[in-house]
Amino acid sequence: MKCSVEGCPGEYEEREIVHTVRYRGEVVVIDHVPAEVCSVCGDVLLKPETVRRIDALLRTATKPTGVVPLYEYA
């Protein structure tokens, strides 16, 4: 599929990404998220079912599989 960013000649390709979101005041990092990523500009599209699964994952509040360092740009 052609990239939806105006003027970008790229095409979307399926990839797995690292998705970061702030949820209830916490920064949450989710690895291996399926996404469509533009090969030129890097624009990212998530399918509705992927967004629903991320929302469900955040609501379950299970223990994370790992911990990452968080740096603050001040």
PDB file of N, CA and C in Angstrom:
ATOM      1  N   MET A   1       0.844  -1.174   0.000  1.00  0.00           N
ATOM      2  CA  MET A   1       0.000   0.000   0.000  1.00  0.00           C
ATOM      3  C   MET A   1       0.893   1.242   0.000  1.00  0.00           C
ATOM      4  N   LYS A   2       0.504   2.246  -0.769  1.00  0.00           N
ATOM      5  CA  LYS A   2       1.269   3.483  -0.865  1.00  0.00           C
ATOM      6  C   LYS A   2       1.166   4.269   0.440  1.00  0.00           C
ATOM      7  N   CYS A   3       2.246   4.934   0.790  1.00  0.00           N
ATOM      8  CA  CYS A   3       2.301   5.741   2.006  1.00  0.00           C
ATOM      9  C   CYS A   3       1.250   6.851   1.961  1.00  0.00           C
ATOM     10  N   SER A   4       0.612   7.107   3.120  1.00  0.00           N
ATOM     11  CA  SER A   4      -0.436   8.123   3.196  1.00  0.00           C
ATOM     12  C   SER A   4       0.097   9.520   3.501  1.00  0.00           C
ATOM     13  N   VAL A   5       1.410   9.656   3.724  1.00  0.00           N
ATOM     14  CA  VAL A   5       2.002  10.966   3.982  1.00  0.00           C
ATOM     15  C   VAL A   5       2.156  11.695   2.651  1.00  0.00           C
ATOM     16  N   GLU A   6       1.600  12.895   2.585  1.00  0.00           N
ATOM     17  CA  GLU A   6       1.607  13.661   1.337  1.00  0.00           C
ATOM     18  C   GLU A   6       3.030  13.858   0.810  1.00  0.00           C
ATOM     19  N   GLY A   7       3.231  13.499  -0.440  1.00  0.00           N
ATOM     20  CA  GLY A   7       4.521  13.683  -1.094  1.00  0.00           C
ATOM     21  C   GLY A   7       5.514  12.552  -0.885  1.00  0.00           C
ATOM     22  N   CYS A   8       5.204  11.616  -0.029  1.00  0.00           N
ATOM     23  CA  CYS A   8       6.127  10.497   0.213  1.00  0.00           C
ATOM     24  C   CYS A   8       5.890   9.414  -0.842  1.00  0.00           C
ATOM     25  N   PRO A   9       6.944   8.975  -1.502  1.00  0.00           N
ATOM     26  CA  PRO A   9       6.792   7.948  -2.546  1.00  0.00           C
ATOM     27  C   PRO A   9       6.857   6.515  -2.000  1.00  0.00           C
ATOM     28  N   GLY A  10       6.963   6.365  -0.696  1.00  0.00           N
ATOM     29  CA  GLY A  10       7.177   5.046  -0.095  1.00  0.00           C
ATOM     30  C   GLY A  10       5.958   4.148  -0.111  1.00  0.00           C
ATOM     31  N   GLU A  11       6.211   2.895   0.243  1.00  0.00           N
ATOM     32  CA  GLU A  11       5.172   1.875   0.363  1.00  0.00           C
ATOM     33  C   GLU A  11       5.238   1.316   1.785  1.00  0.00           C
ATOM     34  N   TYR A  12       4.080   0.948   2.328  1.00  0.00           N
ATOM     35  CA  TYR A  12       4.048   0.321   3.646  1.00  0.00           C
ATOM     36  C   TYR A  12       4.446  -1.140   3.529  1.00  0.00           C
ATOM     37  N   GLU A  13       5.229  -1.597   4.525  1.00  0.00           N
ATOM     38  CA  GLU A  13       5.605  -3.001   4.602  1.00  0.00           C
ATOM     39  C   GLU A  13       5.351  -3.480   6.020  1.00  0.00           C
ATOM     40  N   GLU A  14       5.008  -4.752   6.145  1.00  0.00           N
ATOM     41  CA  GLU A  14       4.770  -5.324   7.474  1.00  0.00           C
ATOM     42  C   GLU A  14       6.088  -5.496   8.209  1.00  0.00           C
ATOM     43  N   ARG A  15       6.101  -5.022   9.454  1.00  0.00           N
ATOM     44  CA  ARG A  15       7.265  -5.147  10.330  1.00  0.00           C
ATOM     45  C   ARG A  15       6.773  -5.292  11.760  1.00  0.00           C
ATOM     46  N   GLU A  16       7.692  -5.662  12.635  1.00  0.00           N
ATOM     47  CA  GLU A  16       7.410  -5.623  14.061  1.00  0.00           C
ATOM     48  C   GLU A  16       8.151  -4.426  14.630  1.00  0.00           C
ATOM     49  N   ILE A  17       7.459  -3.675  15.482  1.00  0.00           N
ATOM     50  CA  ILE A  17       8.038  -2.459  16.047  1.00  0.00           C
ATOM     51  C   ILE A  17       8.045  -2.532  17.570  1.00  0.00           C
ATOM     52  N   VAL A  18       8.728  -1.595  18.178  1.00  0.00           N
ATOM     53  CA  VAL A  18       8.647  -1.358  19.615  1.00  0.00           C
ATOM     54  C   VAL A  18       7.697  -0.175  19.781  1.00  0.00           C
ATOM     55  N   HIS A  19       6.606  -0.387  20.493  1.00  0.00           N
ATOM     56  CA  HIS A  19       5.580   0.639  20.670  1.00  0.00           C
ATOM     57  C   HIS A  19       5.660   1.170  22.102  1.00  0.00           C
ATOM     58  N   THR A  20       5.744   2.476  22.241  1.00  0.00           N
ATOM     59  CA  THR A  20       5.824   3.108  23.560  1.00  0.00           C
ATOM     60  C   THR A  20       4.578   3.948  23.781  1.00  0.00           C
ATOM     61  N   VAL A  21       3.998   3.823  24.956  1.00  0.00           N
ATOM     62  CA  VAL A  21       2.778   4.561  25.277  1.00  0.00           C
ATOM     63  C   VAL A  21       2.818   4.959  26.752  1.00  0.00           C
ATOM     64  N   ARG A  22       2.210   6.086  27.077  1.00  0.00           N
ATOM     65  CA  ARG A  22       2.071   6.484  28.483  1.00  0.00           C
ATOM     66  C   ARG A  22       0.676   6.037  28.912  1.00  0.00           C
ATOM     67  N   TYR A  23       0.632   5.230  29.972  1.00  0.00           N
ATOM     68  CA  TYR A  23      -0.630   4.682  30.453  1.00  0.00           C
ATOM     69  C   TYR A  23      -0.698   4.852  31.964  1.00  0.00           C
ATOM     70  N   ARG A  24      -1.722   5.570  32.413  1.00  0.00           N
ATOM     71  CA  ARG A  24      -1.911   5.856  33.845  1.00  0.00           C
ATOM     72  C   ARG A  24      -0.656   6.430  34.482  1.00  0.00           C
ATOM     73  N   GLY A  25      -0.007   7.334  33.767  1.00  0.00           N
ATOM     74  CA  GLY A  25       1.161   8.023  34.291  1.00  0.00           C
ATOM     75  C   GLY A  25       2.468   7.256  34.176  1.00  0.00           C
ATOM     76  N   GLU A  26       2.421   6.049  33.641  1.00  0.00           N
ATOM     77  CA  GLU A  26       3.617   5.221  33.483  1.00  0.00           C
ATOM     78  C   GLU A  26       3.969   5.098  32.003  1.00  0.00           C
ATOM     79  N   VAL A  27       5.259   5.004  31.715  1.00  0.00           N
ATOM     80  CA  VAL A  27       5.700   4.748  30.346  1.00  0.00           C
ATOM     81  C   VAL A  27       5.759   3.238  30.169  1.00  0.00           C
ATOM     82  N   VAL A  28       5.056   2.749  29.149  1.00  0.00           N
ATOM     83  CA  VAL A  28       4.993   1.315  28.891  1.00  0.00           C
ATOM     84  C   VAL A  28       5.582   1.060  27.508  1.00  0.00           C
ATOM     85  N   VAL A  29       6.483   0.082  27.427  1.00  0.00           N
ATOM     86  CA  VAL A  29       7.119  -0.287  26.170  1.00  0.00           C
ATOM     87  C   VAL A  29       6.654  -1.688  25.803  1.00  0.00           C
ATOM     88  N   ILE A  30       6.114  -1.834  24.594  1.00  0.00           N
ATOM     89  CA  ILE A  30       5.616  -3.126  24.123  1.00  0.00           C
ATOM     90  C   ILE A  30       6.425  -3.518  22.895  1.00  0.00           C
ATOM     91  N   ASP A  31       7.083  -4.656  22.959  1.00  0.00           N
ATOM     92  CA  ASP A  31       7.951  -5.126  21.875  1.00  0.00           C
ATOM     93  C   ASP A  31       7.185  -6.073  20.951  1.00  0.00           C
ATOM     94  N   HIS A  32       7.660  -6.195  19.743  1.00  0.00           N
ATOM     95  CA  HIS A  32       7.128  -7.132  18.735  1.00  0.00           C
ATOM     96  C   HIS A  32       5.687  -6.819  18.328  1.00  0.00           C
ATOM     97  N   VAL A  33       5.352  -5.550  18.197  1.00  0.00           N
ATOM     98  CA  VAL A  33       4.010  -5.142  17.780  1.00  0.00           C
ATOM     99  C   VAL A  33       3.952  -5.148  16.250  1.00  0.00           C
ATOM    100  N   PRO A  34       3.003  -5.880  15.660  1.00  0.00           N
ATOM    101  CA  PRO A  34       2.884  -5.876  14.205  1.00  0.00           C
ATOM    102  C   PRO A  34       2.380  -4.519  13.719  1.00  0.00           C
ATOM    103  N   ALA A  35       3.020  -3.994  12.667  1.00  0.00           N
ATOM    104  CA  ALA A  35       2.650  -2.677  12.142  1.00  0.00           C
ATOM    105  C   ALA A  35       2.982  -2.602  10.663  1.00  0.00           C
ATOM    106  N   GLU A  36       2.394  -1.633  10.003  1.00  0.00           N
ATOM    107  CA  GLU A  36       2.743  -1.290   8.633  1.00  0.00           C
ATOM    108  C   GLU A  36       3.647  -0.065   8.726  1.00  0.00           C
ATOM    109  N   VAL A  37       4.867  -0.156   8.189  1.00  0.00           N
ATOM    110  CA  VAL A  37       5.845   0.923   8.293  1.00  0.00           C
ATOM    111  C   VAL A  37       6.269   1.343   6.891  1.00  0.00           C
ATOM    112  N   CYS A  38       6.268   2.665   6.619  1.00  0.00           N
ATOM    113  CA  CYS A  38       6.686   3.166   5.319  1.00  0.00           C
ATOM    114  C   CYS A  38       8.185   2.956   5.151  1.00  0.00           C
ATOM    115  N   SER A  39       8.555   2.448   4.000  1.00  0.00           N
ATOM    116  CA  SER A  39       9.957   2.147   3.710  1.00  0.00           C
ATOM    117  C   SER A  39      10.784   3.410   3.486  1.00  0.00           C
ATOM    118  N   VAL A  40      10.142   4.556   3.273  1.00  0.00           N
ATOM    119  CA  VAL A  40      10.871   5.802   3.017  1.00  0.00           C
ATOM    120  C   VAL A  40      10.851   6.736   4.236  1.00  0.00           C
ATOM    121  N   CYS A  41       9.655   7.100   4.699  1.00  0.00           N
ATOM    122  CA  CYS A  41       9.569   8.108   5.760  1.00  0.00           C
ATOM    123  C   CYS A  41       9.414   7.519   7.157  1.00  0.00           C
ATOM    124  N   GLY A  42       9.097   6.238   7.268  1.00  0.00           N
ATOM    125  CA  GLY A  42       8.962   5.600   8.565  1.00  0.00           C
ATOM    126  C   GLY A  42       7.602   5.766   9.223  1.00  0.00           C
ATOM    127  N   ASP A  43       6.624   6.332   8.508  1.00  0.00           N
ATOM    128  CA  ASP A  43       5.278   6.465   9.062  1.00  0.00           C
ATOM    129  C   ASP A  43       4.783   5.083   9.487  1.00  0.00           C
ATOM    130  N   VAL A  44       4.067   5.034  10.611  1.00  0.00           N
ATOM    131  CA  VAL A  44       3.613   3.761  11.171  1.00  0.00           C
ATOM    132  C   VAL A  44       2.094   3.722  11.229  1.00  0.00           C
ATOM    133  N   LEU A  45       1.525   2.609  10.774  1.00  0.00           N
ATOM    134  CA  LEU A  45       0.091   2.367  10.877  1.00  0.00           C
ATOM    135  C   LEU A  45      -0.126   1.103  11.689  1.00  0.00           C
ATOM    136  N   LEU A  46      -1.071   1.160  12.634  1.00  0.00           N
ATOM    137  CA  LEU A  46      -1.461  -0.019  13.402  1.00  0.00           C
ATOM    138  C   LEU A  46      -2.876  -0.403  12.997  1.00  0.00           C
ATOM    139  N   LYS A  47      -3.108  -1.696  12.794  1.00  0.00           N
ATOM    140  CA  LYS A  47      -4.447  -2.181  12.456  1.00  0.00           C
ATOM    141  C   LYS A  47      -5.344  -2.059  13.687  1.00  0.00           C
ATOM    142  N   PRO A  48      -6.656  -1.888  13.479  1.00  0.00           N
ATOM    143  CA  PRO A  48      -7.580  -1.757  14.610  1.00  0.00           C
ATOM    144  C   PRO A  48      -7.482  -2.921  15.603  1.00  0.00           C
ATOM    145  N   GLU A  49      -7.319  -4.143  15.102  1.00  0.00           N
ATOM    146  CA  GLU A  49      -7.234  -5.288  16.015  1.00  0.00           C
ATOM    147  C   GLU A  49      -5.953  -5.238  16.862  1.00  0.00           C
ATOM    148  N   THR A  50      -4.884  -4.660  16.313  1.00  0.00           N
ATOM    149  CA  THR A  50      -3.644  -4.499  17.073  1.00  0.00           C
ATOM    150  C   THR A  50      -3.844  -3.482  18.187  1.00  0.00           C
ATOM    151  N   VAL A  51      -4.519  -2.391  17.876  1.00  0.00           N
ATOM    152  CA  VAL A  51      -4.798  -1.362  18.895  1.00  0.00           C
ATOM    153  C   VAL A  51      -5.676  -1.946  19.997  1.00  0.00           C
ATOM    154  N   ARG A  52      -6.677  -2.746  19.630  1.00  0.00           N
ATOM    155  CA  ARG A  52      -7.540  -3.377  20.634  1.00  0.00           C
ATOM    156  C   ARG A  52      -6.739  -4.321  21.526  1.00  0.00           C
ATOM    157  N   ARG A  53      -5.815  -5.066  20.932  1.00  0.00           N
ATOM    158  CA  ARG A  53      -4.995  -6.002  21.723  1.00  0.00           C
ATOM    159  C   ARG A  53      -4.068  -5.245  22.679  1.00  0.00           C
ATOM    160  N   ILE A  54      -3.490  -4.124  22.214  1.00  0.00           N
ATOM    161  CA  ILE A  54      -2.645  -3.304  23.088  1.00  0.00           C
ATOM    162  C   ILE A  54      -3.474  -2.763  24.249  1.00  0.00           C
ATOM    163  N   ASP A  55      -4.683  -2.253  23.954  1.00  0.00           N
ATOM    164  CA  ASP A  55      -5.561  -1.744  25.013  1.00  0.00           C
ATOM    165  C   ASP A  55      -5.871  -2.838  26.039  1.00  0.00           C
ATOM    166  N   ALA A  56      -6.166  -4.039  25.557  1.00  0.00           N
ATOM    167  CA  ALA A  56      -6.463  -5.155  26.462  1.00  0.00           C
ATOM    168  C   ALA A  56      -5.240  -5.509  27.299  1.00  0.00           C
ATOM    169  N   LEU A  57      -4.078  -5.509  26.677  1.00  0.00           N
ATOM    170  CA  LEU A  57      -2.833  -5.816  27.388  1.00  0.00           C
ATOM    171  C   LEU A  57      -2.590  -4.810  28.511  1.00  0.00           C
ATOM    172  N   LEU A  58      -2.829  -3.536  28.231  1.00  0.00           N
ATOM    173  CA  LEU A  58      -2.629  -2.495  29.242  1.00  0.00           C
ATOM    174  C   LEU A  58      -3.624  -2.631  30.391  1.00  0.00           C
ATOM    175  N   ARG A  59      -4.859  -3.003  30.080  1.00  0.00           N
ATOM    176  CA  ARG A  59      -5.893  -3.132  31.112  1.00  0.00           C
ATOM    177  C   ARG A  59      -5.673  -4.340  32.016  1.00  0.00           C
ATOM    178  N   THR A  60      -5.009  -5.379  31.540  1.00  0.00           N
ATOM    179  CA  THR A  60      -4.831  -6.584  32.357  1.00  0.00           C
ATOM    180  C   THR A  60      -3.853  -6.366  33.493  1.00  0.00           C
ATOM    181  N   ALA A  61      -2.947  -5.422  33.340  1.00  0.00           N
ATOM    182  CA  ALA A  61      -1.969  -5.072  34.386  1.00  0.00           C
ATOM    183  C   ALA A  61      -1.180  -6.282  34.878  1.00  0.00           C
ATOM    184  N   THR A  62      -0.818  -7.163  33.969  1.00  0.00           N
ATOM    185  CA  THR A  62       0.030  -8.288  34.354  1.00  0.00           C
ATOM    186  C   THR A  62       1.454  -7.786  34.568  1.00  0.00           C
ATOM    187  N   LYS A  63       2.261  -8.607  35.182  1.00  0.00           N
ATOM    188  CA  LYS A  63       3.647  -8.233  35.455  1.00  0.00           C
ATOM    189  C   LYS A  63       4.416  -8.147  34.132  1.00  0.00           C
ATOM    190  N   PRO A  64       5.178  -7.075  33.914  1.00  0.00           N
ATOM    191  CA  PRO A  64       5.943  -6.956  32.669  1.00  0.00           C
ATOM    192  C   PRO A  64       7.023  -8.036  32.576  1.00  0.00           C
ATOM    193  N   THR A  65       7.394  -8.367  31.351  1.00  0.00           N
ATOM    194  CA  THR A  65       8.415  -9.393  31.143  1.00  0.00           C
ATOM    195  C   THR A  65       9.820  -8.861  31.342  1.00  0.00           C
ATOM    196  N   GLY A  66       9.966  -7.543  31.413  1.00  0.00           N
ATOM    197  CA  GLY A  66      11.280  -6.944  31.618  1.00  0.00           C
ATOM    198  C   GLY A  66      11.143  -5.505  32.045  1.00  0.00           C
ATOM    199  N   VAL A  67      12.283  -4.902  32.354  1.00  0.00           N
ATOM    200  CA  VAL A  67      12.320  -3.506  32.775  1.00  0.00           C
ATOM    201  C   VAL A  67      13.354  -2.798  31.907  1.00  0.00           C
ATOM    202  N   VAL A  68      13.016  -1.576  31.461  1.00  0.00           N
ATOM    203  CA  VAL A  68      13.940  -0.812  30.626  1.00  0.00           C
ATOM    204  C   VAL A  68      14.345   0.468  31.352  1.00  0.00           C
ATOM    205  N   PRO A  69      15.556   0.978  31.088  1.00  0.00           N
ATOM    206  CA  PRO A  69      15.945   2.247  31.696  1.00  0.00           C
ATOM    207  C   PRO A  69      15.135   3.401  31.085  1.00  0.00           C
ATOM    208  N   LEU A  70      14.818   4.375  31.893  1.00  0.00           N
ATOM    209  CA  LEU A  70      14.070   5.543  31.438  1.00  0.00           C
ATOM    210  C   LEU A  70      14.903   6.784  31.747  1.00  0.00           C
ATOM    211  N   TYR A  71      15.223   7.545  30.719  1.00  0.00           N
ATOM    212  CA  TYR A  71      15.982   8.777  30.882  1.00  0.00           C
ATOM    213  C   TYR A  71      15.053   9.945  30.606  1.00  0.00           C
ATOM    214  N   GLU A  72      15.248  11.019  31.351  1.00  0.00           N
ATOM    215  CA  GLU A  72      14.419  12.211  31.172  1.00  0.00           C
ATOM    216  C   GLU A  72      15.242  13.304  30.512  1.00  0.00           C
ATOM    217  N   TYR A  73      14.722  13.842  29.432  1.00  0.00           N
ATOM    218  CA  TYR A  73      15.377  14.940  28.727  1.00  0.00           C
ATOM    219  C   TYR A  73      14.966  16.233  29.405  1.00  0.00           C
ATOM    220  N   ALA A  74      15.871  16.825  30.134  1.00  0.00           N
ATOM    221  CA  ALA A  74      15.513  18.038  30.892  1.00  0.00           C
ATOM    222  C   ALA A  74      16.399  19.199  30.495  1.00  0.00           C
TER     223      ALA A  74
END
